[in-house]
Amino acid sequence: MDQFNTPWRVTAAAIYTTPTDSRVYGTLDIDVTDARRFLDTKRGEGVKITMTHLATAVLARAVAFDVPEMNCFIRRGGVVGRERIDVTVPVAIGGGEGVAAVLIKDAHAKSVTSIAAEIRAGAEHNRAGKESKTVRNKYLLNSIPWPLRRPAFRFLKWITVDMGLRIRSLGLSADSFGSFVVSDIGSFGLNTGMTSLMPAAKVPAVIVLGKIEDKPVVRNGEIQIRTMLPLTGTFDHRIVDGLQIGKLARGIKRNFRKPEWLDEIPEKELQTCLFAPRD
């Protein structure tokens, strides 16, 4: 039994189906007062970084260095570790097209400035009608007649996720959506969002950023006004339980307290994480 296929995970993979009844949720209010000051300082230097960019770096490093056993997915009743930490960030593309997605590869090993530039470039690329093959697949499904749409989706999922094969022509694989998803609904004025886990994405978590607000909180026995960011997480209970969520929360809090570190390349290397070889 390896570090991924613990007794609970093997049992959970048999008990639960692909995230329909295995979803669990969690919320966390994060003090981002120092993080907002950091963002303001960077903007003053002419570097545009948003809280979404910062949260992407925060979460990637928390997974990599605090809870690496979360970086995996279920395949044929077993848990498979990923070799990298890639993060999917939805972006609005306008023109009635809704949203597309930008995949940040090796996000834990990049500075937040690099992540911000990559997300902006990816968003512009999508808005110009040059979406990735994975994103363009939504148009492919739309072109399939309704009675055949779900069977086609399940067939593609079976090939890529269950069998572990890559369809290069469609840009599809078990890694198409990375290790987890970071989504911002705060820009829409929403505080929390209990989102879904798309079966084909094979991610153990989707983290949603809510509306940032100044709130009274108690610090050292005194009431202070602090900038608070609500986070809501949807998790696959076959992979994540209270222990992993707690470790993730501690890493998130620590990283937001030291935003300057996020603009540096971390000294820790990938091998310090518990990644299993791809089968």
Protein backbone atom coordinates (compact mmCIF):
# COMPACT_ATOMS: atom_id res chain seq x y z
CA MET A 1 0.00 0.00 0.00
CA ASP A 2 1.66 3.27 -1.10
CA GLN A 3 1.23 6.77 0.29
CA PHE A 4 -1.65 7.44 -2.11
CA ASN A 5 -3.65 4.23 -1.83
CA THR A 6 -4.35 4.30 1.90
CA PRO A 7 -6.98 1.89 3.28
CA TRP A 8 -9.54 4.70 3.44
CA ARG A 9 -8.94 5.77 -0.14
CA VAL A 10 -9.26 2.24 -1.49
CA THR A 11 -12.50 1.83 0.45
CA ALA A 12 -13.81 5.25 -0.57
CA ALA A 13 -13.09 4.55 -4.24
CA ALA A 14 -15.33 1.51 -3.96
CA ILE A 15 -18.07 3.20 -1.93
CA TYR A 16 -18.41 6.45 -3.86
CA THR A 17 -19.04 7.02 -7.52
CA THR A 18 -17.23 9.69 -9.50
CA PRO A 19 -18.03 12.92 -7.68
CA THR A 20 -21.77 12.86 -7.37
CA ASP A 21 -22.14 11.64 -3.81
CA SER A 22 -18.54 12.13 -2.66
CA ARG A 23 -18.50 15.91 -2.60
CA VAL A 24 -17.66 17.65 0.66
CA TYR A 25 -17.49 21.38 1.24
CA GLY A 26 -15.56 23.79 3.41
CA THR A 27 -15.35 27.53 3.97
CA LEU A 28 -12.54 29.65 5.34
CA ASP A 29 -12.22 33.39 5.94
CA ILE A 30 -8.68 34.55 5.24
CA ASP A 31 -7.12 37.77 6.52
CA VAL A 32 -5.61 39.28 3.38
CA THR A 33 -4.79 42.72 4.80
CA ASP A 34 -1.06 42.21 4.21
CA ALA A 35 -1.74 40.61 0.84
CA ARG A 36 -3.75 43.63 -0.32
CA ARG A 37 -0.94 45.96 0.73
CA PHE A 38 1.44 43.81 -1.30
CA LEU A 39 -0.84 44.04 -4.34
CA ASP A 40 -1.08 47.82 -3.95
CA THR A 41 2.70 48.06 -3.74
CA LYS A 42 3.15 45.99 -6.89
CA ARG A 43 0.58 48.10 -8.76
CA GLY A 44 2.52 51.19 -7.67
CA GLU A 45 5.54 49.62 -9.34
CA GLY A 46 3.54 49.12 -12.53
CA VAL A 47 2.97 45.39 -12.00
CA LYS A 48 -0.70 44.43 -12.16
CA ILE A 49 -1.50 41.51 -9.89
CA THR A 50 -4.96 40.59 -8.64
CA MET A 51 -6.07 38.55 -5.66
CA THR A 52 -6.91 35.69 -8.03
CA HIS A 53 -3.32 35.62 -9.25
CA LEU A 54 -2.08 35.69 -5.66
CA ALA A 55 -4.51 32.97 -4.58
CA THR A 56 -3.32 30.76 -7.45
CA ALA A 57 0.25 30.98 -6.16
CA VAL A 58 -0.88 30.54 -2.54
CA LEU A 59 -2.87 27.40 -3.27
CA ALA A 60 -0.30 25.84 -5.59
CA ARG A 61 2.42 26.14 -2.97
CA ALA A 62 0.12 24.98 -0.19
CA VAL A 63 -0.65 21.80 -2.14
CA ALA A 64 2.99 21.27 -3.13
CA PHE A 65 4.61 21.82 0.24
CA ASP A 66 1.85 21.21 2.82
CA VAL A 67 -0.47 18.56 1.41
CA PRO A 68 1.19 16.93 -1.64
CA GLU A 69 -0.88 13.76 -1.13
CA MET A 70 -3.83 15.80 -2.41
CA ASN A 71 -2.25 16.09 -5.85
CA CYS A 72 -3.81 12.97 -7.37
CA PHE A 73 -6.94 11.48 -8.93
CA ILE A 74 -8.93 8.24 -9.03
CA ARG A 75 -8.36 5.79 -11.88
CA ARG A 76 -9.89 2.31 -12.00
CA GLY A 77 -10.48 2.20 -8.25
CA GLY A 78 -6.97 3.36 -7.32
CA VAL A 79 -5.33 6.69 -6.60
CA VAL A 80 -2.78 7.99 -9.12
CA GLY A 81 -0.35 10.75 -8.17
CA ARG A 82 0.30 13.58 -10.57
CA GLU A 83 3.82 14.47 -11.65
CA ARG A 84 3.21 18.25 -11.68
CA ILE A 85 1.04 20.84 -10.01
CA ASP A 86 -0.92 22.62 -12.73
CA VAL A 87 -3.78 24.98 -11.90
CA THR A 88 -6.83 25.77 -14.02
CA VAL A 89 -8.07 29.37 -13.75
CA PRO A 90 -11.37 30.23 -15.51
CA VAL A 91 -11.34 33.59 -17.31
CA ALA A 92 -14.15 35.63 -18.83
CA ILE A 93 -13.84 35.94 -22.61
CA GLY A 94 -16.86 38.15 -23.31
CA GLY A 95 -18.84 38.32 -26.50
CA GLY A 96 -21.50 36.04 -25.10
CA GLU A 97 -19.06 33.13 -25.04
CA GLY A 98 -19.00 32.91 -21.22
CA VAL A 99 -15.72 31.66 -19.78
CA ALA A 100 -12.67 29.82 -20.99
CA ALA A 101 -9.79 28.45 -18.94
CA VAL A 102 -6.08 29.08 -18.58
CA LEU A 103 -3.87 26.22 -17.38
CA ILE A 104 -0.85 27.34 -15.35
CA LYS A 105 1.75 24.58 -15.48
CA ASP A 106 4.06 24.02 -12.50
CA ALA A 107 2.30 26.87 -10.71
CA HIS A 108 3.97 26.12 -7.38
CA ALA A 109 7.42 26.79 -8.90
CA LYS A 110 6.56 30.18 -10.42
CA SER A 111 6.46 33.68 -8.97
CA VAL A 112 3.10 35.38 -8.65
CA THR A 113 4.25 38.01 -11.15
CA SER A 114 4.89 35.26 -13.72
CA ILE A 115 1.54 33.64 -12.94
CA ALA A 116 -0.27 36.97 -13.40
CA ALA A 117 1.40 37.57 -16.77
CA GLU A 118 0.60 34.02 -17.90
CA ILE A 119 -3.08 34.30 -16.94
CA ARG A 120 -3.43 37.66 -18.70
CA ALA A 121 -1.75 36.32 -21.83
CA GLY A 122 -3.93 33.21 -21.77
CA ALA A 123 -7.08 35.29 -21.34
CA GLU A 124 -6.17 37.49 -24.30
CA HIS A 125 -5.39 34.40 -26.34
CA ASN A 126 -8.83 32.98 -25.59
CA ARG A 127 -10.59 36.28 -26.31
CA ALA A 128 -8.87 36.36 -29.69
CA GLY A 129 -10.54 33.05 -30.53
CA LYS A 130 -7.36 31.00 -30.08
CA GLU A 131 -8.52 28.74 -27.27
CA SER A 132 -6.61 25.60 -26.44
CA LYS A 133 -7.74 22.28 -27.89
CA THR A 134 -9.22 21.33 -24.52
CA VAL A 135 -11.33 24.49 -24.35
CA ARG A 136 -12.49 24.12 -27.94
CA ASN A 137 -13.99 20.74 -27.10
CA LYS A 138 -17.06 22.51 -25.73
CA TYR A 139 -17.87 23.43 -29.32
CA LEU A 140 -17.30 19.83 -30.40
CA LEU A 141 -19.86 18.56 -27.89
CA ASN A 142 -22.33 21.22 -29.00
CA SER A 143 -22.09 19.91 -32.56
CA ILE A 144 -23.08 16.38 -31.52
CA PRO A 145 -26.83 15.62 -31.52
CA TRP A 146 -28.32 15.61 -28.02
CA PRO A 147 -29.06 11.86 -27.74
CA LEU A 148 -25.42 11.07 -28.55
CA ARG A 149 -23.80 13.87 -26.54
CA ARG A 150 -23.64 12.10 -23.18
CA PRO A 151 -22.43 8.76 -24.64
CA ALA A 152 -19.72 10.66 -26.55
CA PHE A 153 -18.66 12.47 -23.40
CA ARG A 154 -18.50 9.22 -21.43
CA PHE A 155 -16.52 7.53 -24.18
CA LEU A 156 -13.93 10.31 -24.23
CA LYS A 157 -13.73 10.24 -20.44
CA TRP A 158 -13.28 6.46 -20.48
CA ILE A 159 -10.37 6.73 -22.92
CA THR A 160 -8.55 9.57 -21.20
CA VAL A 161 -9.31 9.23 -17.50
CA ASP A 162 -10.14 5.58 -16.95
CA MET A 163 -7.71 4.09 -19.47
CA GLY A 164 -5.05 6.77 -19.05
CA LEU A 165 -4.65 7.47 -22.76
CA ARG A 166 -4.06 10.85 -24.37
CA ILE A 167 -6.05 12.08 -27.37
CA ARG A 168 -3.57 14.57 -28.78
CA SER A 169 -5.82 15.76 -31.59
CA LEU A 170 -8.38 16.94 -29.02
CA GLY A 171 -5.91 18.00 -26.36
CA LEU A 172 -7.51 15.60 -23.88
CA SER A 173 -5.88 13.63 -21.09
CA ALA A 174 -6.30 13.00 -17.38
CA ASP A 175 -4.21 16.15 -16.84
CA SER A 176 -6.24 18.48 -19.07
CA PHE A 177 -7.56 20.46 -16.09
CA GLY A 178 -4.49 20.20 -13.88
CA SER A 179 -4.37 19.51 -10.16
CA PHE A 180 -7.21 21.77 -9.05
CA VAL A 181 -9.29 24.77 -10.12
CA VAL A 182 -9.27 28.33 -8.74
CA SER A 183 -12.35 30.40 -9.55
CA ASP A 184 -13.28 33.98 -8.60
CA ILE A 185 -16.93 34.85 -7.98
CA GLY A 186 -16.18 37.86 -5.79
CA SER A 187 -16.09 40.07 -8.86
CA PHE A 188 -19.79 39.26 -9.26
CA GLY A 189 -20.51 40.42 -5.71
CA LEU A 190 -20.90 36.89 -4.34
CA ASN A 191 -19.42 35.76 -1.03
CA THR A 192 -19.53 31.98 -1.22
CA GLY A 193 -20.15 29.40 -3.91
CA MET A 194 -20.63 25.65 -3.46
CA THR A 195 -19.44 24.62 -6.88
CA SER A 196 -19.49 21.24 -8.59
CA LEU A 197 -16.70 18.83 -9.48
CA MET A 198 -16.87 18.04 -13.18
CA PRO A 199 -16.26 14.27 -13.55
CA ALA A 200 -14.00 14.59 -16.59
CA ALA A 201 -11.78 17.15 -14.88
CA LYS A 202 -10.53 14.61 -12.30
CA VAL A 203 -9.49 17.30 -9.85
CA PRO A 204 -9.77 16.71 -6.09
CA ALA A 205 -10.77 20.31 -5.37
CA VAL A 206 -12.25 23.50 -6.73
CA ILE A 207 -11.46 26.59 -4.65
CA VAL A 208 -13.75 29.61 -5.04
CA LEU A 209 -12.78 33.16 -4.08
CA GLY A 210 -15.60 35.33 -2.74
CA LYS A 211 -16.02 39.08 -2.36
CA ILE A 212 -13.23 40.81 -0.45
CA GLU A 213 -14.56 43.03 2.34
CA ASP A 214 -13.28 44.99 5.33
CA LYS A 215 -14.69 43.40 8.49
CA PRO A 216 -14.26 43.78 12.26
CA VAL A 217 -12.22 40.92 13.69
CA VAL A 218 -10.54 40.28 17.03
CA ARG A 219 -6.74 40.45 17.09
CA ASN A 220 -4.83 40.20 20.38
CA GLY A 221 -8.03 40.81 22.32
CA GLU A 222 -8.88 43.97 20.37
CA ILE A 223 -11.39 44.63 17.62
CA GLN A 224 -9.67 45.65 14.41
CA ILE A 225 -10.81 46.29 10.85
CA ARG A 226 -9.15 43.76 8.58
CA THR A 227 -9.49 42.86 4.91
CA MET A 228 -11.10 39.43 4.68
CA LEU A 229 -11.35 37.03 1.75
CA PRO A 230 -13.92 34.20 1.95
CA LEU A 231 -12.80 30.93 0.38
CA THR A 232 -15.13 28.05 -0.39
CA GLY A 233 -13.80 24.64 -1.34
CA THR A 234 -15.51 21.68 -2.97
CA PHE A 235 -13.53 18.47 -2.45
CA ASP A 236 -13.63 14.87 -3.62
CA HIS A 237 -14.05 12.91 -0.38
CA ARG A 238 -12.47 9.85 -1.98
CA ILE A 239 -9.18 11.79 -1.89
CA VAL A 240 -9.59 14.55 0.67
CA ASP A 241 -10.82 14.36 4.25
CA GLY A 242 -10.56 16.64 7.28
CA LEU A 243 -6.84 16.01 7.76
CA GLN A 244 -5.90 17.11 4.24
CA ILE A 245 -8.25 20.09 4.32
CA GLY A 246 -6.74 21.20 7.64
CA LYS A 247 -3.21 20.98 6.25
CA LEU A 248 -4.30 22.90 3.17
CA ALA A 249 -5.90 25.61 5.32
CA ARG A 250 -2.72 26.06 7.36
CA GLY A 251 -0.65 26.40 4.22
CA ILE A 252 -3.08 28.93 2.75
CA LYS A 253 -3.01 31.08 5.90
CA ARG A 254 0.77 31.03 6.10
CA ASN A 255 1.27 31.91 2.44
CA PHE A 256 -1.17 34.82 2.55
CA ARG A 257 0.70 36.19 5.59
CA LYS A 258 3.94 36.28 3.57
CA PRO A 259 2.91 37.52 0.11
CA GLU A 260 6.46 38.70 -0.70
CA TRP A 261 7.58 35.06 -0.69
CA LEU A 262 5.12 34.37 -3.47
CA ASP A 263 7.05 36.65 -5.80
CA GLU A 264 10.17 34.54 -5.35
CA ILE A 265 10.94 31.13 -6.81
CA PRO A 266 10.68 28.66 -3.91
CA GLU A 267 13.90 26.94 -2.90
CA LYS A 268 12.14 23.62 -2.33
CA GLU A 269 12.32 21.29 -5.28
CA LEU A 270 9.61 19.10 -6.76
CA GLN A 271 11.10 15.92 -5.31
CA THR A 272 10.30 17.12 -1.79
CA CYS A 273 6.65 16.40 -2.61
CA LEU A 274 5.16 12.92 -2.52
CA PHE A 275 4.47 12.38 -6.19
CA ALA A 276 3.90 8.86 -7.43
CA PRO A 277 5.12 7.79 -10.89
CA ARG A 278 2.50 7.78 -13.63
CA ASP A 279 1.17 4.28 -14.38
